[in-house]
Amino acid sequence: MMAVWNMMFILGPVVGSILYSSSPKLTFFVASTLLLVTFIPIKKISIYFHNLVQAEKITH
């Protein structure tokens, strides 16, 4: 896992600069798409735990 983390510090700026050199708008589009892709599972986890807490309040 540490190798992936360290590789992202190298690949992130490289990919970002390549995208920016091709089109500045493309850089922001890719960044916003990646943000949305990571937001969806985080929101689902939040909803799951909220429902879990509500279910425990009802049973106790």
C-alpha atoms as a PDB file:
ATOM      1  CA  MET A   1       0.000   0.000   0.000  1.00  0.00           C
ATOM      2  CA  MET A   2       2.888   2.341   0.739  1.00  0.00           C
ATOM      3  CA  ALA A   3       4.222   1.819  -2.779  1.00  0.00           C
ATOM      4  CA  VAL A   4       0.910   2.959  -4.278  1.00  0.00           C
ATOM      5  CA  TRP A   5       0.845   5.980  -1.985  1.00  0.00           C
ATOM      6  CA  ASN A   6       4.391   6.966  -2.979  1.00  0.00           C
ATOM      7  CA  MET A   7       3.727   6.356  -6.671  1.00  0.00           C
ATOM      8  CA  MET A   8       0.780   8.767  -6.597  1.00  0.00           C
ATOM      9  CA  PHE A   9       3.103  11.572  -5.462  1.00  0.00           C
ATOM     10  CA  ILE A  10       5.064  10.995  -8.670  1.00  0.00           C
ATOM     11  CA  LEU A  11       2.265  10.171 -11.122  1.00  0.00           C
ATOM     12  CA  GLY A  12      -0.167  12.851  -9.950  1.00  0.00           C
ATOM     13  CA  PRO A  13       1.908  15.863 -10.990  1.00  0.00           C
ATOM     14  CA  VAL A  14       3.087  14.128 -14.165  1.00  0.00           C
ATOM     15  CA  VAL A  15      -0.441  13.294 -15.323  1.00  0.00           C
ATOM     16  CA  GLY A  16      -1.682  16.720 -14.230  1.00  0.00           C
ATOM     17  CA  SER A  17       0.979  18.521 -16.224  1.00  0.00           C
ATOM     18  CA  ILE A  18       0.332  16.384 -19.311  1.00  0.00           C
ATOM     19  CA  LEU A  19      -3.387  17.089 -19.077  1.00  0.00           C
ATOM     20  CA  TYR A  20      -2.789  20.794 -18.515  1.00  0.00           C
ATOM     21  CA  SER A  21      -0.435  21.039 -21.462  1.00  0.00           C
ATOM     22  CA  SER A  22      -3.059  19.456 -23.713  1.00  0.00           C
ATOM     23  CA  SER A  23      -5.971  21.524 -22.391  1.00  0.00           C
ATOM     24  CA  PRO A  24      -6.417  23.404 -19.107  1.00  0.00           C
ATOM     25  CA  LYS A  25     -10.136  22.626 -19.136  1.00  0.00           C
ATOM     26  CA  LEU A  26      -9.398  18.920 -19.407  1.00  0.00           C
ATOM     27  CA  THR A  27      -7.356  19.047 -16.197  1.00  0.00           C
ATOM     28  CA  PHE A  28     -10.276  20.438 -14.203  1.00  0.00           C
ATOM     29  CA  PHE A  29     -12.724  18.048 -15.835  1.00  0.00           C
ATOM     30  CA  VAL A  30     -10.614  15.017 -14.889  1.00  0.00           C
ATOM     31  CA  ALA A  31     -10.097  16.350 -11.355  1.00  0.00           C
ATOM     32  CA  SER A  32     -13.824  16.906 -10.842  1.00  0.00           C
ATOM     33  CA  THR A  33     -14.637  13.478 -12.267  1.00  0.00           C
ATOM     34  CA  LEU A  34     -12.167  11.813  -9.892  1.00  0.00           C
ATOM     35  CA  LEU A  35     -13.644  13.774  -6.999  1.00  0.00           C
ATOM     36  CA  LEU A  36     -17.143  12.592  -7.871  1.00  0.00           C
ATOM     37  CA  VAL A  37     -15.974   8.996  -8.262  1.00  0.00           C
ATOM     38  CA  THR A  38     -14.477   9.057  -4.764  1.00  0.00           C
ATOM     39  CA  PHE A  39     -17.421  10.938  -3.261  1.00  0.00           C
ATOM     40  CA  ILE A  40     -20.024   8.321  -4.220  1.00  0.00           C
ATOM     41  CA  PRO A  41     -18.615   5.431  -2.117  1.00  0.00           C
ATOM     42  CA  ILE A  42     -17.917   7.763   0.815  1.00  0.00           C
ATOM     43  CA  LYS A  43     -21.520   8.966   0.761  1.00  0.00           C
ATOM     44  CA  LYS A  44     -22.804   5.381   0.635  1.00  0.00           C
ATOM     45  CA  ILE A  45     -20.696   4.493   3.673  1.00  0.00           C
ATOM     46  CA  SER A  46     -22.070   7.516   5.498  1.00  0.00           C
ATOM     47  CA  ILE A  47     -25.656   6.527   4.698  1.00  0.00           C
ATOM     48  CA  TYR A  48     -24.968   2.929   5.782  1.00  0.00           C
ATOM     49  CA  PHE A  49     -23.631   3.980   9.171  1.00  0.00           C
ATOM     50  CA  HIS A  50     -26.453   6.484   9.666  1.00  0.00           C
ATOM     51  CA  ASN A  51     -28.997   3.720   9.041  1.00  0.00           C
ATOM     52  CA  LEU A  52     -27.091   1.382  11.351  1.00  0.00           C
ATOM     53  CA  VAL A  53     -27.195   3.911  14.200  1.00  0.00           C
ATOM     54  CA  GLN A  54     -30.900   4.546  13.618  1.00  0.00           C
ATOM     55  CA  ALA A  55     -31.616   0.805  13.676  1.00  0.00           C
ATOM     56  CA  GLU A  56     -29.775   0.423  16.973  1.00  0.00           C
ATOM     57  CA  LYS A  57     -31.713   3.303  18.519  1.00  0.00           C
ATOM     58  CA  ILE A  58     -34.972   1.599  17.576  1.00  0.00           C
ATOM     59  CA  THR A  59     -33.969  -1.782  19.026  1.00  0.00           C
ATOM     60  CA  HIS A  60     -32.736  -0.337  22.323  1.00  0.00           C
END
